[in-house]
Amino acid sequence: MENVSSLFLEKAKSIKLLLTDVDGVMTDGTLSFFTDESGTAREIKHFESLDGMGLMFLSHCGIATGIVSRGQSNTLEFWAKVLGMHFLFYNTPAKHLVLPYLEKNFNIAPQEIAFIGDDVIDLGLLSRVGLPLTVANSVPEAKELALYVSPRNGGNAAVRDIAEQILKARGLWEKILQENKSGTFKQPVRDLHIVKGL
């Protein structure tokens, strides 16, 4: 596979969970707001459908998925449920705090976790997981830590690219192709585990 190191291949085979940041990774980083009839400010997020399918493919193949966000948005909860994701961490500015929580409550060790981050706030988690990942338009400090930098920008199918690289490393991409060709691929459905304010 192109632009993938042997260390990436090794780590990708052992992860149990892929976590991702949202703004700048699942989106292009643009923040859009509107005010509803009650005068409450509401946020709009623009997600890439290819990213969503990539996350569903991972989940379908037994790799748990989750979001770690500094903020809070009902839109995130909706999208995570649509994708059949396992975890949603809200209001988590010190993102590395998800690691002891996951190890204690779900027996998932840091070295079994991949994380996609793009900004300085993500460095604490990127520096502690087994498989640190980032996108083309991330800050240089994130790229220095990453074992794989997607050639795609956040919000432009970078998550999909990363999902494909992980599945190819595990020999599962052909399975996904065949199940989609045959019509046997099924969208994952599960309860979303939501944690607020670690």
N, C-alpha and C. Protein backbone atom coordinates (compact mmCIF):
# COMPACT_ATOMS: atom_id res chain seq x y z
N MET A 1 0.85 -1.20 0.00
CA MET A 1 0.00 0.00 0.00
C MET A 1 0.88 1.25 0.00
N GLU A 2 0.45 2.27 -0.69
CA GLU A 2 1.24 3.48 -0.83
C GLU A 2 1.26 4.31 0.46
N ASN A 3 2.42 4.90 0.74
CA ASN A 3 2.57 5.87 1.83
C ASN A 3 2.19 5.33 3.21
N VAL A 4 2.29 4.04 3.39
CA VAL A 4 1.96 3.42 4.67
C VAL A 4 3.20 2.71 5.19
N SER A 5 3.62 3.04 6.41
CA SER A 5 4.82 2.45 6.97
C SER A 5 4.55 1.06 7.53
N SER A 6 5.61 0.31 7.73
CA SER A 6 5.48 -1.02 8.33
C SER A 6 4.97 -0.90 9.76
N LEU A 7 5.33 0.18 10.46
CA LEU A 7 4.85 0.37 11.83
C LEU A 7 3.34 0.63 11.83
N PHE A 8 2.86 1.42 10.86
CA PHE A 8 1.42 1.62 10.73
C PHE A 8 0.72 0.29 10.51
N LEU A 9 1.24 -0.53 9.62
CA LEU A 9 0.62 -1.82 9.33
C LEU A 9 0.56 -2.69 10.58
N GLU A 10 1.63 -2.68 11.34
CA GLU A 10 1.69 -3.48 12.57
C GLU A 10 0.65 -2.99 13.58
N LYS A 11 0.60 -1.68 13.79
CA LYS A 11 -0.33 -1.11 14.78
C LYS A 11 -1.78 -1.28 14.34
N ALA A 12 -2.03 -1.10 13.05
CA ALA A 12 -3.40 -1.18 12.54
C ALA A 12 -4.01 -2.56 12.77
N LYS A 13 -3.17 -3.58 12.81
CA LYS A 13 -3.67 -4.95 13.00
C LYS A 13 -4.10 -5.23 14.43
N SER A 14 -3.68 -4.38 15.37
CA SER A 14 -3.95 -4.69 16.77
C SER A 14 -4.94 -3.74 17.45
N ILE A 15 -5.43 -2.71 16.73
CA ILE A 15 -6.33 -1.78 17.40
C ILE A 15 -7.74 -2.37 17.55
N LYS A 16 -8.38 -1.98 18.63
CA LYS A 16 -9.76 -2.38 18.90
C LYS A 16 -10.74 -1.22 18.69
N LEU A 17 -10.21 0.01 18.70
CA LEU A 17 -11.07 1.19 18.69
C LEU A 17 -10.41 2.32 17.91
N LEU A 18 -11.20 2.96 17.03
CA LEU A 18 -10.77 4.20 16.37
C LEU A 18 -11.58 5.35 16.93
N LEU A 19 -10.90 6.31 17.54
CA LEU A 19 -11.52 7.54 18.00
C LEU A 19 -11.18 8.67 17.03
N THR A 20 -12.06 9.64 16.92
CA THR A 20 -11.77 10.77 16.04
C THR A 20 -12.26 12.08 16.65
N ASP A 21 -11.50 13.12 16.39
CA ASP A 21 -11.93 14.49 16.65
C ASP A 21 -13.01 14.82 15.61
N VAL A 22 -13.67 15.95 15.77
CA VAL A 22 -14.74 16.33 14.84
C VAL A 22 -14.30 17.49 13.95
N ASP A 23 -14.24 18.70 14.50
CA ASP A 23 -13.95 19.89 13.70
C ASP A 23 -12.53 19.84 13.15
N GLY A 24 -12.42 19.89 11.83
CA GLY A 24 -11.12 19.80 11.18
C GLY A 24 -10.73 18.40 10.78
N VAL A 25 -11.51 17.41 11.24
CA VAL A 25 -11.25 16.01 10.88
C VAL A 25 -12.48 15.43 10.17
N MET A 26 -13.60 15.38 10.88
CA MET A 26 -14.85 14.94 10.25
C MET A 26 -15.51 16.07 9.47
N THR A 27 -15.09 17.30 9.73
CA THR A 27 -15.56 18.46 8.98
C THR A 27 -14.35 19.24 8.50
N ASP A 28 -14.59 20.29 7.71
CA ASP A 28 -13.47 21.12 7.25
C ASP A 28 -13.06 22.17 8.28
N GLY A 29 -13.70 22.14 9.44
CA GLY A 29 -13.36 23.06 10.51
C GLY A 29 -14.21 24.31 10.55
N THR A 30 -15.04 24.52 9.54
CA THR A 30 -15.92 25.68 9.52
C THR A 30 -17.02 25.51 10.57
N LEU A 31 -17.27 26.55 11.36
CA LEU A 31 -18.34 26.52 12.35
C LEU A 31 -19.48 27.40 11.86
N SER A 32 -20.67 26.81 11.74
CA SER A 32 -21.84 27.54 11.26
C SER A 32 -22.93 27.52 12.32
N PHE A 33 -23.57 28.68 12.53
CA PHE A 33 -24.60 28.79 13.55
C PHE A 33 -25.83 29.50 12.98
N PHE A 34 -26.99 29.20 13.58
CA PHE A 34 -28.19 29.97 13.30
C PHE A 34 -28.96 30.12 14.60
N THR A 35 -29.84 31.08 14.65
CA THR A 35 -30.66 31.31 15.83
C THR A 35 -32.08 30.82 15.55
N ASP A 36 -32.57 29.92 16.41
CA ASP A 36 -33.91 29.38 16.18
C ASP A 36 -34.99 30.35 16.68
N GLU A 37 -36.24 29.93 16.59
CA GLU A 37 -37.36 30.82 16.93
C GLU A 37 -37.35 31.28 18.38
N SER A 38 -36.73 30.47 19.25
CA SER A 38 -36.68 30.83 20.66
C SER A 38 -35.50 31.76 20.99
N GLY A 39 -34.66 32.02 19.97
CA GLY A 39 -33.49 32.86 20.19
C GLY A 39 -32.26 32.09 20.61
N THR A 40 -32.35 30.76 20.58
CA THR A 40 -31.22 29.91 20.95
C THR A 40 -30.31 29.68 19.75
N ALA A 41 -29.01 29.85 19.97
CA ALA A 41 -28.04 29.60 18.90
C ALA A 41 -27.88 28.09 18.69
N ARG A 42 -27.97 27.65 17.45
CA ARG A 42 -27.82 26.25 17.08
C ARG A 42 -26.66 26.09 16.10
N GLU A 43 -25.97 24.99 16.22
CA GLU A 43 -24.80 24.75 15.36
C GLU A 43 -25.17 23.83 14.20
N ILE A 44 -24.58 24.11 13.05
CA ILE A 44 -24.73 23.25 11.87
C ILE A 44 -23.36 22.66 11.55
N LYS A 45 -23.31 21.34 11.37
CA LYS A 45 -22.07 20.70 10.97
C LYS A 45 -22.27 20.02 9.62
N HIS A 46 -21.26 20.12 8.76
CA HIS A 46 -21.32 19.54 7.43
C HIS A 46 -20.39 18.32 7.40
N PHE A 47 -20.99 17.12 7.36
CA PHE A 47 -20.22 15.89 7.37
C PHE A 47 -20.09 15.32 5.96
N GLU A 48 -19.01 14.62 5.73
CA GLU A 48 -18.75 13.95 4.45
C GLU A 48 -19.33 12.53 4.51
N SER A 49 -20.20 12.18 3.57
CA SER A 49 -20.84 10.87 3.60
C SER A 49 -19.84 9.73 3.44
N LEU A 50 -18.76 9.94 2.69
CA LEU A 50 -17.74 8.90 2.55
C LEU A 50 -17.09 8.57 3.89
N ASP A 51 -16.88 9.59 4.72
CA ASP A 51 -16.34 9.36 6.06
C ASP A 51 -17.30 8.48 6.86
N GLY A 52 -18.59 8.80 6.76
CA GLY A 52 -19.58 8.04 7.50
C GLY A 52 -19.57 6.57 7.11
N MET A 53 -19.49 6.30 5.81
CA MET A 53 -19.43 4.91 5.36
C MET A 53 -18.16 4.23 5.85
N GLY A 54 -17.04 4.95 5.84
CA GLY A 54 -15.79 4.37 6.33
C GLY A 54 -15.90 3.95 7.78
N LEU A 55 -16.52 4.79 8.60
CA LEU A 55 -16.71 4.45 10.02
C LEU A 55 -17.65 3.27 10.18
N MET A 56 -18.67 3.19 9.35
CA MET A 56 -19.57 2.03 9.39
C MET A 56 -18.84 0.76 8.97
N PHE A 57 -17.96 0.85 7.98
CA PHE A 57 -17.20 -0.32 7.55
C PHE A 57 -16.32 -0.84 8.69
N LEU A 58 -15.66 0.07 9.40
CA LEU A 58 -14.83 -0.34 10.54
C LEU A 58 -15.66 -1.06 11.58
N SER A 59 -16.78 -0.46 11.93
CA SER A 59 -17.66 -1.04 12.95
C SER A 59 -18.16 -2.41 12.51
N HIS A 60 -18.53 -2.53 11.26
CA HIS A 60 -19.01 -3.79 10.70
C HIS A 60 -17.95 -4.89 10.82
N CYS A 61 -16.68 -4.49 10.73
CA CYS A 61 -15.58 -5.45 10.78
C CYS A 61 -15.05 -5.67 12.20
N GLY A 62 -15.77 -5.17 13.20
CA GLY A 62 -15.40 -5.45 14.58
C GLY A 62 -14.48 -4.44 15.23
N ILE A 63 -14.24 -3.31 14.59
CA ILE A 63 -13.42 -2.26 15.16
C ILE A 63 -14.36 -1.18 15.69
N ALA A 64 -14.37 -0.97 16.99
CA ALA A 64 -15.25 0.03 17.60
C ALA A 64 -14.86 1.43 17.13
N THR A 65 -15.82 2.34 17.14
CA THR A 65 -15.56 3.72 16.71
C THR A 65 -16.14 4.70 17.73
N GLY A 66 -15.56 5.88 17.79
CA GLY A 66 -16.04 6.87 18.74
C GLY A 66 -15.57 8.28 18.40
N ILE A 67 -16.24 9.25 18.99
CA ILE A 67 -15.93 10.67 18.82
C ILE A 67 -15.45 11.23 20.15
N VAL A 68 -14.42 12.07 20.10
CA VAL A 68 -13.96 12.81 21.28
C VAL A 68 -14.01 14.29 20.93
N SER A 69 -14.86 15.05 21.63
CA SER A 69 -15.07 16.45 21.28
C SER A 69 -14.96 17.36 22.50
N ARG A 70 -14.32 18.50 22.31
CA ARG A 70 -14.25 19.51 23.36
C ARG A 70 -15.62 20.14 23.60
N GLY A 71 -16.43 20.21 22.56
CA GLY A 71 -17.73 20.86 22.68
C GLY A 71 -18.87 19.88 22.87
N GLN A 72 -20.07 20.38 22.63
CA GLN A 72 -21.26 19.54 22.74
C GLN A 72 -22.26 19.98 21.68
N SER A 73 -22.81 19.02 20.97
CA SER A 73 -23.76 19.33 19.91
C SER A 73 -24.71 18.16 19.74
N ASN A 74 -26.00 18.46 19.71
CA ASN A 74 -26.98 17.41 19.45
C ASN A 74 -26.77 16.77 18.08
N THR A 75 -26.19 17.54 17.16
CA THR A 75 -25.90 17.03 15.83
C THR A 75 -24.92 15.87 15.90
N LEU A 76 -23.93 15.97 16.77
CA LEU A 76 -22.95 14.89 16.93
C LEU A 76 -23.63 13.62 17.40
N GLU A 77 -24.49 13.75 18.36
CA GLU A 77 -25.19 12.57 18.89
C GLU A 77 -26.03 11.91 17.80
N PHE A 78 -26.73 12.71 17.02
CA PHE A 78 -27.53 12.19 15.92
C PHE A 78 -26.65 11.44 14.92
N TRP A 79 -25.54 12.06 14.49
CA TRP A 79 -24.68 11.47 13.47
C TRP A 79 -24.01 10.21 13.99
N ALA A 80 -23.56 10.22 15.24
CA ALA A 80 -22.93 9.04 15.82
C ALA A 80 -23.91 7.87 15.86
N LYS A 81 -25.15 8.13 16.17
CA LYS A 81 -26.17 7.07 16.19
C LYS A 81 -26.45 6.55 14.78
N VAL A 82 -26.52 7.45 13.81
CA VAL A 82 -26.74 7.04 12.42
C VAL A 82 -25.65 6.08 11.97
N LEU A 83 -24.41 6.35 12.38
CA LEU A 83 -23.26 5.56 11.95
C LEU A 83 -23.05 4.30 12.77
N GLY A 84 -23.86 4.09 13.81
CA GLY A 84 -23.69 2.92 14.65
C GLY A 84 -22.39 2.96 15.45
N MET A 85 -21.99 4.16 15.87
CA MET A 85 -20.75 4.30 16.64
C MET A 85 -20.95 3.80 18.07
N HIS A 86 -19.85 3.53 18.72
CA HIS A 86 -19.88 2.96 20.07
C HIS A 86 -19.81 4.02 21.16
N PHE A 87 -18.99 5.07 20.94
CA PHE A 87 -18.70 6.04 22.00
C PHE A 87 -18.85 7.48 21.50
N LEU A 88 -19.33 8.34 22.39
CA LEU A 88 -19.33 9.78 22.15
C LEU A 88 -18.93 10.46 23.45
N PHE A 89 -17.76 11.12 23.42
CA PHE A 89 -17.26 11.86 24.57
C PHE A 89 -17.45 13.35 24.30
N TYR A 90 -18.33 13.97 25.10
CA TYR A 90 -18.65 15.39 25.01
C TYR A 90 -17.84 16.18 26.03
N ASN A 91 -17.72 17.49 25.80
CA ASN A 91 -17.13 18.39 26.81
C ASN A 91 -15.84 17.84 27.39
N THR A 92 -14.92 17.43 26.52
CA THR A 92 -13.69 16.79 26.96
C THR A 92 -12.49 17.57 26.43
N PRO A 93 -12.12 18.69 27.09
CA PRO A 93 -10.99 19.48 26.60
C PRO A 93 -9.64 18.78 26.79
N ALA A 94 -9.50 18.00 27.87
CA ALA A 94 -8.28 17.20 28.07
C ALA A 94 -8.58 15.81 27.51
N LYS A 95 -8.40 15.65 26.21
CA LYS A 95 -8.92 14.47 25.53
C LYS A 95 -8.27 13.16 25.97
N HIS A 96 -7.05 13.23 26.48
CA HIS A 96 -6.39 11.99 26.90
C HIS A 96 -7.08 11.34 28.10
N LEU A 97 -7.99 12.07 28.77
CA LEU A 97 -8.71 11.49 29.91
C LEU A 97 -9.67 10.37 29.50
N VAL A 98 -9.93 10.25 28.19
CA VAL A 98 -10.78 9.13 27.76
C VAL A 98 -10.04 7.81 27.91
N LEU A 99 -8.71 7.83 27.92
CA LEU A 99 -7.95 6.59 27.94
C LEU A 99 -8.12 5.79 29.24
N PRO A 100 -7.90 6.39 30.42
CA PRO A 100 -8.15 5.61 31.64
C PRO A 100 -9.60 5.19 31.77
N TYR A 101 -10.52 6.02 31.28
CA TYR A 101 -11.94 5.67 31.33
C TYR A 101 -12.21 4.41 30.50
N LEU A 102 -11.68 4.36 29.30
CA LEU A 102 -11.90 3.22 28.42
C LEU A 102 -11.22 1.96 28.95
N GLU A 103 -10.04 2.15 29.53
CA GLU A 103 -9.32 0.98 30.06
C GLU A 103 -10.05 0.40 31.28
N LYS A 104 -10.51 1.28 32.15
CA LYS A 104 -11.19 0.83 33.37
C LYS A 104 -12.56 0.22 33.08
N ASN A 105 -13.33 0.85 32.21
CA ASN A 105 -14.72 0.43 32.00
C ASN A 105 -14.94 -0.53 30.83
N PHE A 106 -13.99 -0.55 29.88
CA PHE A 106 -14.19 -1.39 28.69
C PHE A 106 -12.99 -2.27 28.37
N ASN A 107 -11.97 -2.24 29.23
CA ASN A 107 -10.79 -3.08 29.05
C ASN A 107 -10.12 -2.87 27.69
N ILE A 108 -10.10 -1.60 27.24
CA ILE A 108 -9.41 -1.25 26.01
C ILE A 108 -8.19 -0.43 26.39
N ALA A 109 -7.01 -0.97 26.16
CA ALA A 109 -5.77 -0.31 26.56
C ALA A 109 -5.39 0.77 25.54
N PRO A 110 -4.64 1.80 25.98
CA PRO A 110 -4.24 2.87 25.05
C PRO A 110 -3.56 2.37 23.78
N GLN A 111 -2.74 1.34 23.89
CA GLN A 111 -2.03 0.84 22.70
C GLN A 111 -2.96 0.13 21.72
N GLU A 112 -4.21 -0.12 22.14
CA GLU A 112 -5.20 -0.75 21.26
C GLU A 112 -6.15 0.28 20.63
N ILE A 113 -5.79 1.56 20.77
CA ILE A 113 -6.64 2.65 20.30
C ILE A 113 -5.92 3.46 19.22
N ALA A 114 -6.67 3.80 18.18
CA ALA A 114 -6.22 4.75 17.16
C ALA A 114 -7.00 6.05 17.38
N PHE A 115 -6.37 7.17 17.07
CA PHE A 115 -7.04 8.46 17.21
C PHE A 115 -6.64 9.37 16.06
N ILE A 116 -7.65 10.04 15.48
CA ILE A 116 -7.41 11.03 14.42
C ILE A 116 -7.61 12.42 15.02
N GLY A 117 -6.57 13.21 15.06
CA GLY A 117 -6.64 14.58 15.56
C GLY A 117 -5.91 15.51 14.63
N ASP A 118 -6.25 16.80 14.72
CA ASP A 118 -5.64 17.74 13.77
C ASP A 118 -5.07 18.99 14.39
N ASP A 119 -5.31 19.22 15.69
CA ASP A 119 -4.91 20.50 16.28
C ASP A 119 -4.16 20.28 17.59
N VAL A 120 -3.67 21.36 18.16
CA VAL A 120 -2.87 21.30 19.39
C VAL A 120 -3.65 20.64 20.53
N ILE A 121 -4.96 20.86 20.59
CA ILE A 121 -5.77 20.26 21.66
C ILE A 121 -5.76 18.74 21.59
N ASP A 122 -5.40 18.19 20.45
CA ASP A 122 -5.40 16.73 20.26
C ASP A 122 -4.06 16.07 20.60
N LEU A 123 -3.04 16.87 20.87
CA LEU A 123 -1.70 16.31 21.05
C LEU A 123 -1.60 15.36 22.24
N GLY A 124 -2.31 15.67 23.33
CA GLY A 124 -2.26 14.81 24.50
C GLY A 124 -2.74 13.41 24.20
N LEU A 125 -3.79 13.30 23.41
CA LEU A 125 -4.31 11.97 23.05
C LEU A 125 -3.47 11.33 21.96
N LEU A 126 -3.06 12.11 20.98
CA LEU A 126 -2.21 11.58 19.91
C LEU A 126 -0.92 10.97 20.46
N SER A 127 -0.37 11.59 21.50
CA SER A 127 0.91 11.14 22.05
C SER A 127 0.78 9.91 22.95
N ARG A 128 -0.45 9.49 23.25
CA ARG A 128 -0.66 8.39 24.19
C ARG A 128 -1.28 7.13 23.58
N VAL A 129 -1.81 7.23 22.37
CA VAL A 129 -2.47 6.07 21.77
C VAL A 129 -1.48 5.23 20.97
N GLY A 130 -1.91 4.00 20.67
CA GLY A 130 -1.06 3.10 19.90
C GLY A 130 -0.91 3.52 18.46
N LEU A 131 -1.98 4.10 17.88
CA LEU A 131 -1.95 4.47 16.47
C LEU A 131 -2.42 5.90 16.28
N PRO A 132 -1.50 6.89 16.37
CA PRO A 132 -1.86 8.30 16.15
C PRO A 132 -1.96 8.60 14.66
N LEU A 133 -3.02 9.31 14.29
CA LEU A 133 -3.33 9.59 12.89
C LEU A 133 -3.71 11.05 12.72
N THR A 134 -3.53 11.58 11.51
CA THR A 134 -3.96 12.96 11.27
C THR A 134 -4.31 13.15 9.81
N VAL A 135 -4.68 14.38 9.48
CA VAL A 135 -5.15 14.73 8.13
C VAL A 135 -4.18 15.72 7.49
N ALA A 136 -4.34 15.92 6.19
CA ALA A 136 -3.37 16.72 5.43
C ALA A 136 -3.24 18.14 5.92
N ASN A 137 -4.35 18.75 6.36
CA ASN A 137 -4.33 20.15 6.77
C ASN A 137 -4.23 20.33 8.28
N SER A 138 -3.65 19.36 8.96
CA SER A 138 -3.47 19.48 10.41
C SER A 138 -2.27 20.36 10.74
N VAL A 139 -2.14 20.71 12.02
CA VAL A 139 -0.97 21.48 12.45
C VAL A 139 0.28 20.60 12.37
N PRO A 140 1.45 21.20 12.19
CA PRO A 140 2.69 20.41 12.07
C PRO A 140 2.95 19.51 13.27
N GLU A 141 2.57 19.97 14.45
CA GLU A 141 2.82 19.18 15.66
C GLU A 141 2.05 17.86 15.65
N ALA A 142 0.85 17.88 15.07
CA ALA A 142 0.08 16.63 14.96
C ALA A 142 0.73 15.70 13.94
N LYS A 143 1.23 16.26 12.85
CA LYS A 143 1.89 15.44 11.83
C LYS A 143 3.15 14.78 12.37
N GLU A 144 3.83 15.46 13.26
CA GLU A 144 5.06 14.90 13.85
C GLU A 144 4.77 13.65 14.67
N LEU A 145 3.59 13.60 15.27
CA LEU A 145 3.23 12.45 16.12
C LEU A 145 2.58 11.32 15.33
N ALA A 146 2.00 11.63 14.18
CA ALA A 146 1.18 10.65 13.46
C ALA A 146 2.01 9.58 12.77
N LEU A 147 1.49 8.35 12.80
CA LEU A 147 2.09 7.25 12.05
C LEU A 147 1.54 7.19 10.63
N TYR A 148 0.46 7.93 10.42
CA TYR A 148 -0.07 8.06 9.06
C TYR A 148 -0.76 9.41 8.95
N VAL A 149 -0.41 10.15 7.89
CA VAL A 149 -1.05 11.43 7.57
C VAL A 149 -1.84 11.23 6.30
N SER A 150 -3.16 11.32 6.40
CA SER A 150 -3.97 11.16 5.19
C SER A 150 -3.62 12.27 4.19
N PRO A 151 -3.57 11.93 2.90
CA PRO A 151 -3.34 12.97 1.89
C PRO A 151 -4.56 13.87 1.69
N ARG A 152 -5.66 13.55 2.36
CA ARG A 152 -6.90 14.32 2.23
C ARG A 152 -7.07 15.27 3.42
N ASN A 153 -7.70 16.39 3.17
CA ASN A 153 -8.01 17.34 4.24
C ASN A 153 -9.20 16.86 5.06
N GLY A 154 -9.29 17.38 6.28
CA GLY A 154 -10.46 17.12 7.10
C GLY A 154 -11.72 17.59 6.40
N GLY A 155 -12.78 16.80 6.50
CA GLY A 155 -14.02 17.12 5.83
C GLY A 155 -14.06 16.76 4.37
N ASN A 156 -12.93 16.22 3.85
CA ASN A 156 -12.84 15.83 2.44
C ASN A 156 -12.43 14.36 2.31
N ALA A 157 -13.13 13.52 3.08
CA ALA A 157 -12.95 12.06 3.05
C ALA A 157 -11.62 11.59 3.63
N ALA A 158 -11.02 12.37 4.51
CA ALA A 158 -9.79 11.92 5.19
C ALA A 158 -10.07 10.74 6.11
N VAL A 159 -11.21 10.77 6.82
CA VAL A 159 -11.55 9.66 7.71
C VAL A 159 -11.79 8.40 6.90
N ARG A 160 -12.43 8.54 5.75
CA ARG A 160 -12.64 7.39 4.87
C ARG A 160 -11.31 6.79 4.41
N ASP A 161 -10.39 7.66 4.02
CA ASP A 161 -9.07 7.19 3.61
C ASP A 161 -8.40 6.41 4.73
N ILE A 162 -8.45 6.93 5.93
CA ILE A 162 -7.83 6.26 7.07
C ILE A 162 -8.52 4.93 7.36
N ALA A 163 -9.85 4.93 7.30
CA ALA A 163 -10.59 3.67 7.52
C ALA A 163 -10.17 2.62 6.51
N GLU A 164 -10.06 3.02 5.25
CA GLU A 164 -9.65 2.08 4.21
C GLU A 164 -8.25 1.54 4.46
N GLN A 165 -7.33 2.42 4.87
CA GLN A 165 -5.96 1.98 5.13
C GLN A 165 -5.92 0.95 6.27
N ILE A 166 -6.73 1.18 7.31
CA ILE A 166 -6.77 0.24 8.43
C ILE A 166 -7.35 -1.10 7.98
N LEU A 167 -8.43 -1.06 7.23
CA LEU A 167 -9.06 -2.30 6.76
C LEU A 167 -8.16 -3.06 5.79
N LYS A 168 -7.45 -2.35 4.94
CA LYS A 168 -6.52 -3.00 4.02
C LYS A 168 -5.37 -3.64 4.79
N ALA A 169 -4.89 -2.96 5.83
CA ALA A 169 -3.81 -3.51 6.65
C ALA A 169 -4.24 -4.81 7.33
N ARG A 170 -5.51 -4.92 7.62
CA ARG A 170 -6.04 -6.11 8.29
C ARG A 170 -6.59 -7.15 7.32
N GLY A 171 -6.48 -6.88 6.03
CA GLY A 171 -6.96 -7.81 5.02
C GLY A 171 -8.47 -7.89 4.93
N LEU A 172 -9.16 -6.79 5.29
CA LEU A 172 -10.62 -6.81 5.35
C LEU A 172 -11.30 -5.96 4.26
N TRP A 173 -10.52 -5.25 3.47
CA TRP A 173 -11.13 -4.37 2.48
C TRP A 173 -11.88 -5.16 1.40
N GLU A 174 -11.32 -6.29 0.97
CA GLU A 174 -11.99 -7.11 -0.03
C GLU A 174 -13.32 -7.64 0.50
N LYS A 175 -13.37 -7.96 1.78
CA LYS A 175 -14.63 -8.39 2.41
C LYS A 175 -15.69 -7.30 2.28
N ILE A 176 -15.30 -6.05 2.55
CA ILE A 176 -16.23 -4.93 2.44
C ILE A 176 -16.71 -4.77 0.99
N LEU A 177 -15.78 -4.87 0.04
CA LEU A 177 -16.15 -4.74 -1.36
C LEU A 177 -17.13 -5.83 -1.78
N GLN A 178 -16.83 -7.06 -1.40
CA GLN A 178 -17.68 -8.18 -1.79
C GLN A 178 -19.07 -8.08 -1.16
N GLU A 179 -19.13 -7.67 0.11
CA GLU A 179 -20.43 -7.58 0.77
C GLU A 179 -21.27 -6.44 0.19
N ASN A 180 -20.62 -5.39 -0.29
CA ASN A 180 -21.37 -4.32 -0.94
C ASN A 180 -21.81 -4.72 -2.34
N LYS A 181 -20.98 -5.48 -3.03
CA LYS A 181 -21.37 -5.97 -4.35
C LYS A 181 -22.54 -6.94 -4.27
N SER A 182 -22.52 -7.79 -3.26
CA SER A 182 -23.57 -8.82 -3.12
C SER A 182 -24.83 -8.29 -2.45
N GLY A 183 -24.71 -7.11 -1.82
CA GLY A 183 -25.86 -6.55 -1.12
C GLY A 183 -26.07 -7.09 0.28
N THR A 184 -25.03 -7.74 0.83
CA THR A 184 -25.16 -8.34 2.17
C THR A 184 -24.61 -7.44 3.27
N PHE A 185 -23.99 -6.32 2.89
CA PHE A 185 -23.49 -5.40 3.92
C PHE A 185 -24.67 -4.79 4.67
N LYS A 186 -24.58 -4.78 6.00
CA LYS A 186 -25.65 -4.22 6.82
C LYS A 186 -25.10 -3.10 7.69
N GLN A 187 -25.83 -2.02 7.72
CA GLN A 187 -25.44 -0.88 8.54
C GLN A 187 -25.47 -1.28 10.02
N PRO A 188 -24.40 -0.99 10.76
CA PRO A 188 -24.39 -1.35 12.18
C PRO A 188 -25.39 -0.54 12.99
N VAL A 189 -26.06 -1.21 13.90
CA VAL A 189 -27.01 -0.56 14.79
C VAL A 189 -26.66 -0.98 16.22
N ARG A 190 -26.47 0.00 17.09
CA ARG A 190 -26.14 -0.33 18.49
C ARG A 190 -26.45 0.87 19.37
N ASP A 191 -26.43 0.64 20.66
CA ASP A 191 -26.61 1.74 21.62
C ASP A 191 -25.32 2.56 21.66
N LEU A 192 -25.47 3.87 21.68
CA LEU A 192 -24.35 4.79 21.76
C LEU A 192 -24.03 5.08 23.21
N HIS A 193 -22.78 4.85 23.61
CA HIS A 193 -22.35 5.13 24.99
C HIS A 193 -21.86 6.58 25.04
N ILE A 194 -22.59 7.43 25.76
CA ILE A 194 -22.31 8.86 25.82
C ILE A 194 -21.71 9.23 27.17
N VAL A 195 -20.59 9.94 27.13
CA VAL A 195 -19.92 10.39 28.36
C VAL A 195 -19.73 11.90 28.26
N LYS A 196 -20.15 12.63 29.27
CA LYS A 196 -20.04 14.08 29.25
C LYS A 196 -19.10 14.57 30.35
N GLY A 197 -18.16 15.42 29.96
CA GLY A 197 -17.36 16.16 30.93
C GLY A 197 -16.29 15.40 31.66
N LEU A 198 -15.49 14.59 30.96
CA LEU A 198 -14.36 13.95 31.63
C LEU A 198 -13.30 14.99 31.98
